[in-house]
PDB file of N, CA and C in Angstrom:
ATOM      1  N   MET A   1     133.849 103.422  85.266  1.00  0.00           N
ATOM      2  CA  MET A   1     132.485 103.264  85.787  1.00  0.00           C
ATOM      3  C   MET A   1     132.041 104.590  86.402  1.00  0.00           C
ATOM      4  N   ALA A   2     130.874 105.057  86.013  1.00  0.00           N
ATOM      5  CA  ALA A   2     130.343 106.323  86.511  1.00  0.00           C
ATOM      6  C   ALA A   2     129.667 106.111  87.859  1.00  0.00           C
ATOM      7  N   ARG A   3     129.974 107.010  88.794  1.00  0.00           N
ATOM      8  CA  ARG A   3     129.362 106.945  90.120  1.00  0.00           C
ATOM      9  C   ARG A   3     128.692 108.292  90.385  1.00  0.00           C
ATOM     10  N   ILE A   4     127.366 108.254  90.501  1.00  0.00           N
ATOM     11  CA  ILE A   4     126.598 109.468  90.737  1.00  0.00           C
ATOM     12  C   ILE A   4     125.689 109.226  91.929  1.00  0.00           C
ATOM     13  N   ALA A   5     125.680 110.188  92.868  1.00  0.00           N
ATOM     14  CA  ALA A   5     124.825 110.138  94.069  1.00  0.00           C
ATOM     15  C   ALA A   5     125.071 108.870  94.884  1.00  0.00           C
ATOM     16  N   GLY A   6     126.313 108.403  94.897  1.00  0.00           N
ATOM     17  CA  GLY A   6     126.662 107.231  95.692  1.00  0.00           C
ATOM     18  C   GLY A   6     126.252 105.915  95.064  1.00  0.00           C
ATOM     19  N   VAL A   7     125.886 105.912  93.792  1.00  0.00           N
ATOM     20  CA  VAL A   7     125.440 104.698  93.104  1.00  0.00           C
ATOM     21  C   VAL A   7     126.321 104.478  91.877  1.00  0.00           C
ATOM     22  N   ASP A   8     126.819 103.254  91.718  1.00  0.00           N
ATOM     23  CA  ASP A   8     127.556 102.898  90.513  1.00  0.00           C
ATOM     24  C   ASP A   8     126.553 102.615  89.403  1.00  0.00           C
ATOM     25  N   LEU A   9     126.655 103.363  88.319  1.00  0.00           N
ATOM     26  CA  LEU A   9     125.731 103.178  87.203  1.00  0.00           C
ATOM     27  C   LEU A   9     126.226 102.031  86.323  1.00  0.00           C
ATOM     28  N   PRO A  10     125.319 101.184  85.830  1.00  0.00           N
ATOM     29  CA  PRO A  10     125.722 100.069  84.965  1.00  0.00           C
ATOM     30  C   PRO A  10     126.292 100.584  83.640  1.00  0.00           C
ATOM     31  N   PRO A  11     127.542 100.254  83.309  1.00  0.00           N
ATOM     32  CA  PRO A  11     128.198 100.870  82.144  1.00  0.00           C
ATOM     33  C   PRO A  11     127.627 100.465  80.796  1.00  0.00           C
ATOM     34  N   GLN A  12     127.005  99.291  80.674  1.00  0.00           N
ATOM     35  CA  GLN A  12     126.539  98.823  79.375  1.00  0.00           C
ATOM     36  C   GLN A  12     125.180  99.390  78.994  1.00  0.00           C
ATOM     37  N   LYS A  13     124.491 100.081  79.915  1.00  0.00           N
ATOM     38  CA  LYS A  13     123.147 100.594  79.623  1.00  0.00           C
ATOM     39  C   LYS A  13     123.202 102.033  79.122  1.00  0.00           C
ATOM     40  N   ARG A  14     122.100 102.452  78.509  1.00  0.00           N
ATOM     41  CA  ARG A  14     121.993 103.832  78.058  1.00  0.00           C
ATOM     42  C   ARG A  14     121.778 104.730  79.271  1.00  0.00           C
ATOM     43  N   ILE A  15     122.070 106.015  79.107  1.00  0.00           N
ATOM     44  CA  ILE A  15     122.047 106.930  80.251  1.00  0.00           C
ATOM     45  C   ILE A  15     120.660 107.003  80.876  1.00  0.00           C
ATOM     46  N   TRP A  16     119.625 107.138  80.058  1.00  0.00           N
ATOM     47  CA  TRP A  16     118.285 107.330  80.629  1.00  0.00           C
ATOM     48  C   TRP A  16     117.801 106.085  81.362  1.00  0.00           C
ATOM     49  N   VAL A  17     118.320 104.908  81.025  1.00  0.00           N
ATOM     50  CA  VAL A  17     117.968 103.685  81.753  1.00  0.00           C
ATOM     51  C   VAL A  17     118.851 103.554  82.985  1.00  0.00           C
ATOM     52  N   GLY A  18     120.136 103.843  82.837  1.00  0.00           N
ATOM     53  CA  GLY A  18     121.076 103.705  83.946  1.00  0.00           C
ATOM     54  C   GLY A  18     120.774 104.648  85.095  1.00  0.00           C
ATOM     55  N   LEU A  19     120.293 105.848  84.789  1.00  0.00           N
ATOM     56  CA  LEU A  19     119.982 106.811  85.846  1.00  0.00           C
ATOM     57  C   LEU A  19     118.824 106.341  86.717  1.00  0.00           C
ATOM     58  N   THR A  20     117.981 105.451  86.193  1.00  0.00           N
ATOM     59  CA  THR A  20     116.849 104.962  86.997  1.00  0.00           C
ATOM     60  C   THR A  20     117.313 104.044  88.126  1.00  0.00           C
ATOM     61  N   SER A  21     118.584 103.632  88.133  1.00  0.00           N
ATOM     62  CA  SER A  21     119.080 102.829  89.252  1.00  0.00           C
ATOM     63  C   SER A  21     119.324 103.696  90.481  1.00  0.00           C
ATOM     64  N   ILE A  22     119.238 105.013  90.323  1.00  0.00           N
ATOM     65  CA  ILE A  22     119.331 105.936  91.457  1.00  0.00           C
ATOM     66  C   ILE A  22     117.940 106.091  92.045  1.00  0.00           C
ATOM     67  N   TYR A  23     117.802 105.902  93.353  1.00  0.00           N
ATOM     68  CA  TYR A  23     116.512 105.989  94.023  1.00  0.00           C
ATOM     69  C   TYR A  23     115.963 107.406  93.883  1.00  0.00           C
ATOM     70  N   GLY A  24     114.752 107.523  93.377  1.00  0.00           N
ATOM     71  CA  GLY A  24     114.110 108.818  93.207  1.00  0.00           C
ATOM     72  C   GLY A  24     114.152 109.335  91.788  1.00  0.00           C
ATOM     73  N   ILE A  25     114.796 108.597  90.879  1.00  0.00           N
ATOM     74  CA  ILE A  25     114.848 109.015  89.479  1.00  0.00           C
ATOM     75  C   ILE A  25     114.184 107.935  88.637  1.00  0.00           C
ATOM     76  N   GLY A  26     113.112 108.314  87.961  1.00  0.00           N
ATOM     77  CA  GLY A  26     112.432 107.410  87.053  1.00  0.00           C
ATOM     78  C   GLY A  26     112.810 107.758  85.619  1.00  0.00           C
ATOM     79  N   GLN A  27     112.134 107.136  84.671  1.00  0.00           N
ATOM     80  CA  GLN A  27     112.488 107.350  83.269  1.00  0.00           C
ATOM     81  C   GLN A  27     112.229 108.782  82.792  1.00  0.00           C
ATOM     82  N   PRO A  28     111.070 109.382  83.088  1.00  0.00           N
ATOM     83  CA  PRO A  28     110.864 110.761  82.609  1.00  0.00           C
ATOM     84  C   PRO A  28     111.859 111.749  83.225  1.00  0.00           C
ATOM     85  N   ARG A  29     112.116 111.597  84.516  1.00  0.00           N
ATOM     86  CA  ARG A  29     113.055 112.501  85.191  1.00  0.00           C
ATOM     87  C   ARG A  29     114.470 112.293  84.664  1.00  0.00           C
ATOM     88  N   ALA A  30     114.832 111.060  84.341  1.00  0.00           N
ATOM     89  CA  ALA A  30     116.161 110.775  83.803  1.00  0.00           C
ATOM     90  C   ALA A  30     116.342 111.476  82.459  1.00  0.00           C
ATOM     91  N   ARG A  31     115.335 111.429  81.618  1.00  0.00           N
ATOM     92  CA  ARG A  31     115.442 112.088  80.307  1.00  0.00           C
ATOM     93  C   ARG A  31     115.518 113.602  80.463  1.00  0.00           C
ATOM     94  N   SER A  32     114.723 114.160  81.375  1.00  0.00           N
ATOM     95  CA  SER A  32     114.766 115.616  81.561  1.00  0.00           C
ATOM     96  C   SER A  32     116.108 116.049  82.156  1.00  0.00           C
ATOM     97  N   LEU A  33     116.691 115.225  83.027  1.00  0.00           N
ATOM     98  CA  LEU A  33     118.008 115.538  83.572  1.00  0.00           C
ATOM     99  C   LEU A  33     119.070 115.537  82.473  1.00  0.00           C
ATOM    100  N   CYS A  34     118.965 114.590  81.544  1.00  0.00           N
ATOM    101  CA  CYS A  34     119.932 114.522  80.440  1.00  0.00           C
ATOM    102  C   CYS A  34     119.844 115.765  79.562  1.00  0.00           C
ATOM    103  N   THR A  35     118.622 116.202  79.246  1.00  0.00           N
ATOM    104  CA  THR A  35     118.488 117.401  78.422  1.00  0.00           C
ATOM    105  C   THR A  35     118.957 118.638  79.186  1.00  0.00           C
ATOM    106  N   LYS A  36     118.708 118.665  80.495  1.00  0.00           N
ATOM    107  CA  LYS A  36     119.150 119.795  81.321  1.00  0.00           C
ATOM    108  C   LYS A  36     120.674 119.860  81.385  1.00  0.00           C
ATOM    109  N   ALA A  37     121.314 118.685  81.449  1.00  0.00           N
ATOM    110  CA  ALA A  37     122.779 118.625  81.513  1.00  0.00           C
ATOM    111  C   ALA A  37     123.413 118.671  80.134  1.00  0.00           C
ATOM    112  N   ASP A  38     122.603 118.781  79.087  1.00  0.00           N
ATOM    113  CA  ASP A  38     123.084 118.834  77.704  1.00  0.00           C
ATOM    114  C   ASP A  38     123.898 117.595  77.341  1.00  0.00           C
ATOM    115  N   VAL A  39     123.323 116.421  77.674  1.00  0.00           N
ATOM    116  CA  VAL A  39     123.937 115.139  77.357  1.00  0.00           C
ATOM    117  C   VAL A  39     122.915 114.336  76.565  1.00  0.00           C
ATOM    118  N   GLU A  40     123.357 113.693  75.506  1.00  0.00           N
ATOM    119  CA  GLU A  40     122.447 112.879  74.703  1.00  0.00           C
ATOM    120  C   GLU A  40     122.056 111.635  75.502  1.00  0.00           C
ATOM    121  N   TYR A  41     120.739 111.441  75.734  1.00  0.00           N
ATOM    122  CA  TYR A  41     120.309 110.377  76.637  1.00  0.00           C
ATOM    123  C   TYR A  41     120.364 108.989  76.017  1.00  0.00           C
ATOM    124  N   THR A  42     120.594 108.874  74.718  1.00  0.00           N
ATOM    125  CA  THR A  42     120.713 107.553  74.106  1.00  0.00           C
ATOM    126  C   THR A  42     122.140 107.024  74.151  1.00  0.00           C
ATOM    127  N   LYS A  43     123.055 107.830  74.643  1.00  0.00           N
ATOM    128  CA  LYS A  43     124.459 107.425  74.758  1.00  0.00           C
ATOM    129  C   LYS A  43     124.601 106.373  75.849  1.00  0.00           C
ATOM    130  N   LYS A  44     125.575 105.489  75.703  1.00  0.00           N
ATOM    131  CA  LYS A  44     125.831 104.494  76.746  1.00  0.00           C
ATOM    132  C   LYS A  44     126.668 105.135  77.856  1.00  0.00           C
ATOM    133  N   ILE A  45     126.517 104.627  79.068  1.00  0.00           N
ATOM    134  CA  ILE A  45     127.206 105.212  80.213  1.00  0.00           C
ATOM    135  C   ILE A  45     128.716 105.065  80.087  1.00  0.00           C
ATOM    136  N   LYS A  46     129.182 103.964  79.510  1.00  0.00           N
ATOM    137  CA  LYS A  46     130.628 103.761  79.368  1.00  0.00           C
ATOM    138  C   LYS A  46     131.249 104.750  78.390  1.00  0.00           C
ATOM    139  N   ASP A  47     130.440 105.363  77.518  1.00  0.00           N
ATOM    140  CA  ASP A  47     130.947 106.318  76.538  1.00  0.00           C
ATOM    141  C   ASP A  47     130.943 107.759  77.040  1.00  0.00           C
ATOM    142  N   LEU A  48     130.515 107.991  78.273  1.00  0.00           N
ATOM    143  CA  LEU A  48     130.453 109.349  78.812  1.00  0.00           C
ATOM    144  C   LEU A  48     131.847 109.863  79.141  1.00  0.00           C
ATOM    145  N   THR A  49     132.043 111.162  78.935  1.00  0.00           N
ATOM    146  CA  THR A  49     133.297 111.784  79.352  1.00  0.00           C
ATOM    147  C   THR A  49     133.148 112.272  80.795  1.00  0.00           C
ATOM    148  N   GLU A  50     134.269 112.617  81.426  1.00  0.00           N
ATOM    149  CA  GLU A  50     134.228 113.119  82.809  1.00  0.00           C
ATOM    150  C   GLU A  50     133.417 114.405  82.900  1.00  0.00           C
ATOM    151  N   GLU A  51     133.529 115.251  81.877  1.00  0.00           N
ATOM    152  CA  GLU A  51     132.798 116.516  81.874  1.00  0.00           C
ATOM    153  C   GLU A  51     131.286 116.272  81.853  1.00  0.00           C
ATOM    154  N   GLU A  52     130.832 115.315  81.026  1.00  0.00           N
ATOM    155  CA  GLU A  52     129.407 114.999  80.953  1.00  0.00           C
ATOM    156  C   GLU A  52     128.907 114.412  82.268  1.00  0.00           C
ATOM    157  N   ILE A  53     129.726 113.570  82.886  1.00  0.00           N
ATOM    158  CA  ILE A  53     129.347 112.990  84.182  1.00  0.00           C
ATOM    159  C   ILE A  53     129.202 114.092  85.223  1.00  0.00           C
ATOM    160  N   ASN A  54     130.131 115.048  85.224  1.00  0.00           N
ATOM    161  CA  ASN A  54     130.048 116.158  86.181  1.00  0.00           C
ATOM    162  C   ASN A  54     128.821 117.022  85.935  1.00  0.00           C
ATOM    163  N   ARG A  55     128.478 117.247  84.653  1.00  0.00           N
ATOM    164  CA  ARG A  55     127.276 118.025  84.349  1.00  0.00           C
ATOM    165  C   ARG A  55     126.024 117.298  84.822  1.00  0.00           C
ATOM    166  N   LEU A  56     125.978 115.977  84.630  1.00  0.00           N
ATOM    167  CA  LEU A  56     124.837 115.179  85.122  1.00  0.00           C
ATOM    168  C   LEU A  56     124.753 115.252  86.638  1.00  0.00           C
ATOM    169  N   ARG A  57     125.906 115.126  87.288  1.00  0.00           N
ATOM    170  CA  ARG A  57     125.952 115.172  88.751  1.00  0.00           C
ATOM    171  C   ARG A  57     125.408 116.506  89.264  1.00  0.00           C
ATOM    172  N   GLN A  58     125.808 117.604  88.634  1.00  0.00           N
ATOM    173  CA  GLN A  58     125.339 118.930  89.043  1.00  0.00           C
ATOM    174  C   GLN A  58     123.836 119.088  88.785  1.00  0.00           C
ATOM    175  N   ALA A  59     123.353 118.547  87.670  1.00  0.00           N
ATOM    176  CA  ALA A  59     121.922 118.642  87.361  1.00  0.00           C
ATOM    177  C   ALA A  59     121.099 117.879  88.398  1.00  0.00           C
ATOM    178  N   ILE A  60     121.585 116.711  88.798  1.00  0.00           N
ATOM    179  CA  ILE A  60     120.859 115.910  89.790  1.00  0.00           C
ATOM    180  C   ILE A  60     120.849 116.620  91.142  1.00  0.00           C
ATOM    181  N   GLU A  61     121.987 117.199  91.535  1.00  0.00           N
ATOM    182  CA  GLU A  61     122.051 117.905  92.817  1.00  0.00           C
ATOM    183  C   GLU A  61     121.144 119.129  92.838  1.00  0.00           C
ATOM    184  N   SER A  62     121.052 119.847  91.706  1.00  0.00           N
ATOM    185  CA  SER A  62     120.225 121.053  91.666  1.00  0.00           C
ATOM    186  C   SER A  62     118.738 120.734  91.584  1.00  0.00           C
ATOM    187  N   GLU A  63     118.401 119.567  91.037  1.00  0.00           N
ATOM    188  CA  GLU A  63     116.995 119.211  90.804  1.00  0.00           C
ATOM    189  C   GLU A  63     116.235 118.898  92.099  1.00  0.00           C
ATOM    190  N   GLY A  64     116.851 118.219  93.035  1.00  0.00           N
ATOM    191  CA  GLY A  64     116.148 117.882  94.268  1.00  0.00           C
ATOM    192  C   GLY A  64     116.748 116.675  94.949  1.00  0.00           C
ATOM    193  N   ARG A  65     116.026 116.138  95.920  1.00  0.00           N
ATOM    194  CA  ARG A  65     116.537 115.039  96.734  1.00  0.00           C
ATOM    195  C   ARG A  65     116.493 113.718  95.990  1.00  0.00           C
ATOM    196  N   VAL A  66     117.553 112.930  96.152  1.00  0.00           N
ATOM    197  CA  VAL A  66     117.618 111.571  95.625  1.00  0.00           C
ATOM    198  C   VAL A  66     118.348 110.711  96.648  1.00  0.00           C
ATOM    199  N   GLU A  67     118.283 109.402  96.483  1.00  0.00           N
ATOM    200  CA  GLU A  67     118.979 108.404  97.307  1.00  0.00           C
ATOM    201  C   GLU A  67     118.751 108.619  98.795  1.00  0.00           C
ATOM    202  N   GLY A  68     119.802 108.793  99.567  1.00  0.00           N
ATOM    203  CA  GLY A  68     119.723 108.796 101.032  1.00  0.00           C
ATOM    204  C   GLY A  68     118.813 109.856 101.597  1.00  0.00           C
ATOM    205  N   ASP A  69     118.889 111.080 101.054  1.00  0.00           N
ATOM    206  CA  ASP A  69     118.052 112.168 101.562  1.00  0.00           C
ATOM    207  C   ASP A  69     116.578 111.864 101.352  1.00  0.00           C
ATOM    208  N   LEU A  70     116.245 111.328 100.184  1.00  0.00           N
ATOM    209  CA  LEU A  70     114.850 111.017  99.876  1.00  0.00           C
ATOM    210  C   LEU A  70     114.347 109.875 100.747  1.00  0.00           C
ATOM    211  N   ARG A  71     115.153 108.821 100.894  1.00  0.00           N
ATOM    212  CA  ARG A  71     114.763 107.700 101.761  1.00  0.00           C
ATOM    213  C   ARG A  71     114.537 108.172 103.191  1.00  0.00           C
ATOM    214  N   LYS A  72     115.428 109.032 103.666  1.00  0.00           N
ATOM    215  CA  LYS A  72     115.328 109.551 105.031  1.00  0.00           C
ATOM    216  C   LYS A  72     114.054 110.372 105.210  1.00  0.00           C
ATOM    217  N   GLU A  73     113.740 111.210 104.220  1.00  0.00           N
ATOM    218  CA  GLU A  73     112.537 112.030 104.304  1.00  0.00           C
ATOM    219  C   GLU A  73     111.270 111.168 104.333  1.00  0.00           C
ATOM    220  N   ILE A  74     111.226 110.117 103.496  1.00  0.00           N
ATOM    221  CA  ILE A  74     110.057 109.241 103.457  1.00  0.00           C
ATOM    222  C   ILE A  74     109.896 108.510 104.788  1.00  0.00           C
ATOM    223  N   GLN A  75     111.002 108.026 105.352  1.00  0.00           N
ATOM    224  CA  GLN A  75     110.935 107.355 106.653  1.00  0.00           C
ATOM    225  C   GLN A  75     110.469 108.299 107.750  1.00  0.00           C
ATOM    226  N   MET A  76     110.908 109.555 107.702  1.00  0.00           N
ATOM    227  CA  MET A  76     110.469 110.541 108.699  1.00  0.00           C
ATOM    228  C   MET A  76     108.969 110.811 108.561  1.00  0.00           C
ATOM    229  N   ASN A  77     108.465 110.864 107.326  1.00  0.00           N
ATOM    230  CA  ASN A  77     107.027 111.073 107.118  1.00  0.00           C
ATOM    231  C   ASN A  77     106.224 109.913 107.694  1.00  0.00           C
ATOM    232  N   ILE A  78     106.698 108.681 107.469  1.00  0.00           N
ATOM    233  CA  ILE A  78     106.003 107.502 107.994  1.00  0.00           C
ATOM    234  C   ILE A  78     106.056 107.504 109.518  1.00  0.00           C
ATOM    235  N   ARG A  79     107.212 107.830 110.084  1.00  0.00           N
ATOM    236  CA  ARG A  79     107.354 107.878 111.546  1.00  0.00           C
ATOM    237  C   ARG A  79     106.418 108.919 112.152  1.00  0.00           C
ATOM    238  N   ARG A  80     106.258 110.073 111.455  1.00  0.00           N
ATOM    239  CA  ARG A  80     105.348 111.118 111.932  1.00  0.00           C
ATOM    240  C   ARG A  80     103.907 110.610 111.945  1.00  0.00           C
ATOM    241  N   LEU A  81     103.502 109.895 110.883  1.00  0.00           N
ATOM    242  CA  LEU A  81     102.147 109.348 110.829  1.00  0.00           C
ATOM    243  C   LEU A  81     101.912 108.358 111.966  1.00  0.00           C
ATOM    244  N   ILE A  82     102.923 107.543 112.274  1.00  0.00           N
ATOM    245  CA  ILE A  82     102.787 106.565 113.356  1.00  0.00           C
ATOM    246  C   ILE A  82     102.673 107.272 114.698  1.00  0.00           C
ATOM    247  N   GLU A  83     103.471 108.326 114.902  1.00  0.00           N
ATOM    248  CA  GLU A  83     103.465 109.039 116.183  1.00  0.00           C
ATOM    249  C   GLU A  83     102.156 109.757 116.454  1.00  0.00           C
ATOM    250  N   ILE A  84     101.546 110.353 115.416  1.00  0.00           N
ATOM    251  CA  ILE A  84     100.291 111.063 115.652  1.00  0.00           C
ATOM    252  C   ILE A  84      99.102 110.107 115.664  1.00  0.00           C
ATOM    253  N   GLN A  85      99.356 108.833 115.428  1.00  0.00           N
ATOM    254  CA  GLN A  85      98.364 107.762 115.499  1.00  0.00           C
ATOM    255  C   GLN A  85      97.160 107.999 114.595  1.00  0.00           C
ATOM    256  N   CYS A  86      97.425 108.492 113.398  1.00  0.00           N
ATOM    257  CA  CYS A  86      96.344 108.611 112.436  1.00  0.00           C
ATOM    258  C   CYS A  86      96.103 107.229 111.820  1.00  0.00           C
ATOM    259  N   TYR A  87      95.069 107.109 111.018  1.00  0.00           N
ATOM    260  CA  TYR A  87      94.696 105.818 110.454  1.00  0.00           C
ATOM    261  C   TYR A  87      95.835 105.246 109.622  1.00  0.00           C
ATOM    262  N   ARG A  88      96.431 106.098 108.765  1.00  0.00           N
ATOM    263  CA  ARG A  88      97.535 105.622 107.932  1.00  0.00           C
ATOM    264  C   ARG A  88      98.712 105.165 108.779  1.00  0.00           C
ATOM    265  N   GLY A  89      98.961 105.860 109.883  1.00  0.00           N
ATOM    266  CA  GLY A  89     100.045 105.458 110.780  1.00  0.00           C
ATOM    267  C   GLY A  89      99.779 104.105 111.412  1.00  0.00           C
ATOM    268  N   LEU A  90      98.539 103.854 111.799  1.00  0.00           N
ATOM    269  CA  LEU A  90      98.183 102.558 112.387  1.00  0.00           C
ATOM    270  C   LEU A  90      98.359 101.442 111.373  1.00  0.00           C
ATOM    271  N   ARG A  91      97.985 101.692 110.116  1.00  0.00           N
ATOM    272  CA  ARG A  91      98.159 100.677 109.069  1.00  0.00           C
ATOM    273  C   ARG A  91      99.642 100.384 108.841  1.00  0.00           C
ATOM    274  N   HIS A  92     100.482 101.424 108.866  1.00  0.00           N
ATOM    275  CA  HIS A  92     101.926 101.208 108.740  1.00  0.00           C
ATOM    276  C   HIS A  92     102.448 100.371 109.903  1.00  0.00           C
ATOM    277  N   ARG A  93     101.986 100.681 111.105  1.00  0.00           N
ATOM    278  CA  ARG A  93     102.478  99.972 112.289  1.00  0.00           C
ATOM    279  C   ARG A  93     102.107  98.482 112.241  1.00  0.00           C
ATOM    280  N   ARG A  94     100.924  98.173 111.713  1.00  0.00           N
ATOM    281  CA  ARG A  94     100.472  96.784 111.657  1.00  0.00           C
ATOM    282  C   ARG A  94     100.901  96.057 110.383  1.00  0.00           C
ATOM    283  N   ASN A  95     101.653  96.731 109.527  1.00  0.00           N
ATOM    284  CA  ASN A  95     102.097  96.161 108.243  1.00  0.00           C
ATOM    285  C   ASN A  95     100.924  95.703 107.384  1.00  0.00           C
ATOM    286  N   LEU A  96      99.936  96.561 107.268  1.00  0.00           N
ATOM    287  CA  LEU A  96      98.779  96.300 106.423  1.00  0.00           C
ATOM    288  C   LEU A  96      98.745  97.338 105.308  1.00  0.00           C
ATOM    289  N   PRO A  97      97.966  97.100 104.237  1.00  0.00           N
ATOM    290  CA  PRO A  97      97.895  98.098 103.169  1.00  0.00           C
ATOM    291  C   PRO A  97      97.377  99.433 103.693  1.00  0.00           C
ATOM    292  N   VAL A  98      97.968 100.517 103.223  1.00  0.00           N
ATOM    293  CA  VAL A  98      97.692 101.839 103.759  1.00  0.00           C
ATOM    294  C   VAL A  98      96.623 102.564 102.963  1.00  0.00           C
ATOM    295  N   ARG A  99      96.498 102.263 101.675  1.00  0.00           N
ATOM    296  CA  ARG A  99      95.679 103.098 100.803  1.00  0.00           C
ATOM    297  C   ARG A  99      94.317 102.517 100.476  1.00  0.00           C
ATOM    298  N   GLY A 100      93.713 101.792 101.388  1.00  0.00           N
ATOM    299  CA  GLY A 100      92.328 101.377 101.227  1.00  0.00           C
ATOM    300  C   GLY A 100      92.107 100.102 100.451  1.00  0.00           C
ATOM    301  N   GLN A 101      93.164  99.333 100.180  1.00  0.00           N
ATOM    302  CA  GLN A 101      92.975  98.088  99.449  1.00  0.00           C
ATOM    303  C   GLN A 101      92.282  97.061 100.327  1.00  0.00           C
ATOM    304  N   ARG A 102      91.642  96.072  99.696  1.00  0.00           N
ATOM    305  CA  ARG A 102      90.974  95.034 100.459  1.00  0.00           C
ATOM    306  C   ARG A 102      92.016  94.086 101.048  1.00  0.00           C
ATOM    307  N   THR A 103      91.696  93.524 102.205  1.00  0.00           N
ATOM    308  CA  THR A 103      92.633  92.610 102.852  1.00  0.00           C
ATOM    309  C   THR A 103      92.008  91.259 103.149  1.00  0.00           C
ATOM    310  N   HIS A 104      90.726  91.099 102.839  1.00  0.00           N
ATOM    311  CA  HIS A 104      90.072  89.822 103.148  1.00  0.00           C
ATOM    312  C   HIS A 104      90.713  88.677 102.363  1.00  0.00           C
ATOM    313  N   THR A 105      90.968  88.900 101.076  1.00  0.00           N
ATOM    314  CA  THR A 105      91.571  87.836 100.283  1.00  0.00           C
ATOM    315  C   THR A 105      92.973  88.193  99.808  1.00  0.00           C
ATOM    316  N   ASN A 106      93.201  89.415  99.394  1.00  0.00           N
ATOM    317  CA  ASN A 106      94.490  89.758  98.794  1.00  0.00           C
ATOM    318  C   ASN A 106      95.448  90.357  99.820  1.00  0.00           C
ATOM    319  N   ALA A 107      96.364  91.180  99.400  1.00  0.00           N
ATOM    320  CA  ALA A 107      97.342  91.876 100.245  1.00  0.00           C
ATOM    321  C   ALA A 107      98.409  90.937 100.786  1.00  0.00           C
ATOM    322  N   ARG A 108      98.733  89.866 100.066  1.00  0.00           N
ATOM    323  CA  ARG A 108      99.735  88.919 100.558  1.00  0.00           C
ATOM    324  C   ARG A 108     101.144  89.524 100.565  1.00  0.00           C
ATOM    325  N   THR A 109     101.401  90.453  99.659  1.00  0.00           N
ATOM    326  CA  THR A 109     102.718  91.073  99.632  1.00  0.00           C
ATOM    327  C   THR A 109     102.961  91.842 100.915  1.00  0.00           C
ATOM    328  N   ARG A 110     101.981  92.585 101.347  1.00  0.00           N
ATOM    329  CA  ARG A 110     102.130  93.414 102.543  1.00  0.00           C
ATOM    330  C   ARG A 110     102.006  92.595 103.823  1.00  0.00           C
ATOM    331  N   LYS A 111     101.085  91.614 103.848  1.00  0.00           N
ATOM    332  CA  LYS A 111     100.841  90.841 105.067  1.00  0.00           C
ATOM    333  C   LYS A 111     101.829  89.706 105.258  1.00  0.00           C
ATOM    334  N   GLY A 112     102.462  89.252 104.189  1.00  0.00           N
ATOM    335  CA  GLY A 112     103.399  88.139 104.290  1.00  0.00           C
ATOM    336  C   GLY A 112     102.704  86.822 104.026  1.00  0.00           C
ATOM    337  N   PRO A 113     103.439  85.712 104.181  1.00  0.00           N
ATOM    338  CA  PRO A 113     102.835  84.401 103.911  1.00  0.00           C
ATOM    339  C   PRO A 113     101.707  84.083 104.882  1.00  0.00           C
ATOM    340  N   ARG A 114     100.794  83.229 104.412  1.00  0.00           N
ATOM    341  CA  ARG A 114      99.636  82.869 105.229  1.00  0.00           C
ATOM    342  C   ARG A 114     100.068  82.153 106.503  1.00  0.00           C
ATOM    343  N   LYS A 115      99.347  82.415 107.568  1.00  0.00           N
ATOM    344  CA  LYS A 115      99.590  81.707 108.829  1.00  0.00           C
ATOM    345  C   LYS A 115      98.905  80.348 108.743  1.00  0.00           C
ATOM    346  N   GLY A 116      99.538  79.308 109.215  1.00  0.00           N
ATOM    347  CA  GLY A 116      98.979  77.961 109.094  1.00  0.00           C
ATOM    348  C   GLY A 116      98.045  77.610 110.229  1.00  0.00           C
ATOM    349  N   ALA A 117      96.861  78.234 110.305  1.00  0.00           N
ATOM    350  CA  ALA A 117      95.905  77.984 111.379  1.00  0.00           C
ATOM    351  C   ALA A 117      95.336  76.577 111.275  1.00  0.00           C
ATOM    352  N   VAL A 118      95.072  76.100 110.072  1.00  0.00           N
ATOM    353  CA  VAL A 118      94.481  74.776 109.890  1.00  0.00           C
ATOM    354  C   VAL A 118      95.501  73.696 110.252  1.00  0.00           C
ATOM    355  N   ALA A 119      96.748  73.900 109.915  1.00  0.00           N
ATOM    356  CA  ALA A 119      97.789  72.913 110.213  1.00  0.00           C
ATOM    357  C   ALA A 119      97.970  72.764 111.720  1.00  0.00           C
ATOM    358  N   ALA A 120      97.797  73.837 112.470  1.00  0.00           N
ATOM    359  CA  ALA A 120      97.950  73.775 113.924  1.00  0.00           C
ATOM    360  C   ALA A 120      96.850  72.917 114.546  1.00  0.00           C
ATOM    361  N   LYS A 121      95.624  72.970 113.997  1.00  0.00           N
ATOM    362  CA  LYS A 121      94.522  72.164 114.513  1.00  0.00           C
ATOM    363  C   LYS A 121      94.787  70.686 114.286  1.00  0.00           C
ATOM    364  N   LYS A 122      95.375  70.337 113.147  1.00  0.00           N
ATOM    365  CA  LYS A 122      95.652  68.925 112.860  1.00  0.00           C
ATOM    366  C   LYS A 122      96.672  68.382 113.839  1.00  0.00           C
ATOM    367  N   LYS A 123      97.678  69.183 114.189  1.00  0.00           N
ATOM    368  CA  LYS A 123      98.695  68.728 115.139  1.00  0.00           C
ATOM    369  C   LYS A 123      98.089  68.453 116.509  1.00  0.00           C
ATOM    370  N   VAL A 124      97.172  69.325 116.929  1.00  0.00           N
ATOM    371  CA  VAL A 124      96.508  69.146 118.228  1.00  0.00           C
ATOM    372  C   VAL A 124      95.687  67.872 118.206  1.00  0.00           C
ATOM    373  N   ALA A 125      94.978  67.611 117.115  1.00  0.00           N
ATOM    374  CA  ALA A 125      94.158  66.410 116.999  1.00  0.00           C
ATOM    375  C   ALA A 125      95.022  65.157 116.984  1.00  0.00           C
ATOM    376  N   ALA A 126      96.195  65.213 116.418  1.00  0.00           N
ATOM    377  CA  ALA A 126      97.070  64.034 116.329  1.00  0.00           C
ATOM    378  C   ALA A 126      97.661  63.682 117.688  1.00  0.00           C
ATOM    379  N   ARG A 127      97.819  64.612 118.579  1.00  0.00           N
ATOM    380  CA  ARG A 127      98.399  64.348 119.893  1.00  0.00           C
ATOM    381  C   ARG A 127      97.471  63.523 120.776  1.00  0.00           C
ATOM    382  N   LYS A 128      96.172  63.671 120.595  1.00  0.00           N
ATOM    383  CA  LYS A 128      95.194  62.970 121.456  1.00  0.00           C
ATOM    384  C   LYS A 128      95.124  61.545 121.145  1.00  0.00           C
TER     385      LYS A 128
END
């Protein structure tokens, strides 16, 4: 089993698909990394040799941040926005959409499940 950047790659998948399981690597970047490391990207991960895995590992390290470093940088950027109290920081703090989406009807993914305001009124009425 190939382990790159602290992630176990799925052995039955092709390299360009398997590399996308690493945070920060999408399909186009995975293909460019394969060509940079001189590895055929249609090959399955279980068929890779140790030398090819090492070349991929070196290509990923030279290309830029992935996994933990990238997650840490994104969290630091969000924390900075919250600290300077800009509009985007306030939206992050309140767990609301940040990029101008409407919230009157949609945004359930970001806001979470609906609050049961109507159900609370029925309970109050039933107590009397």
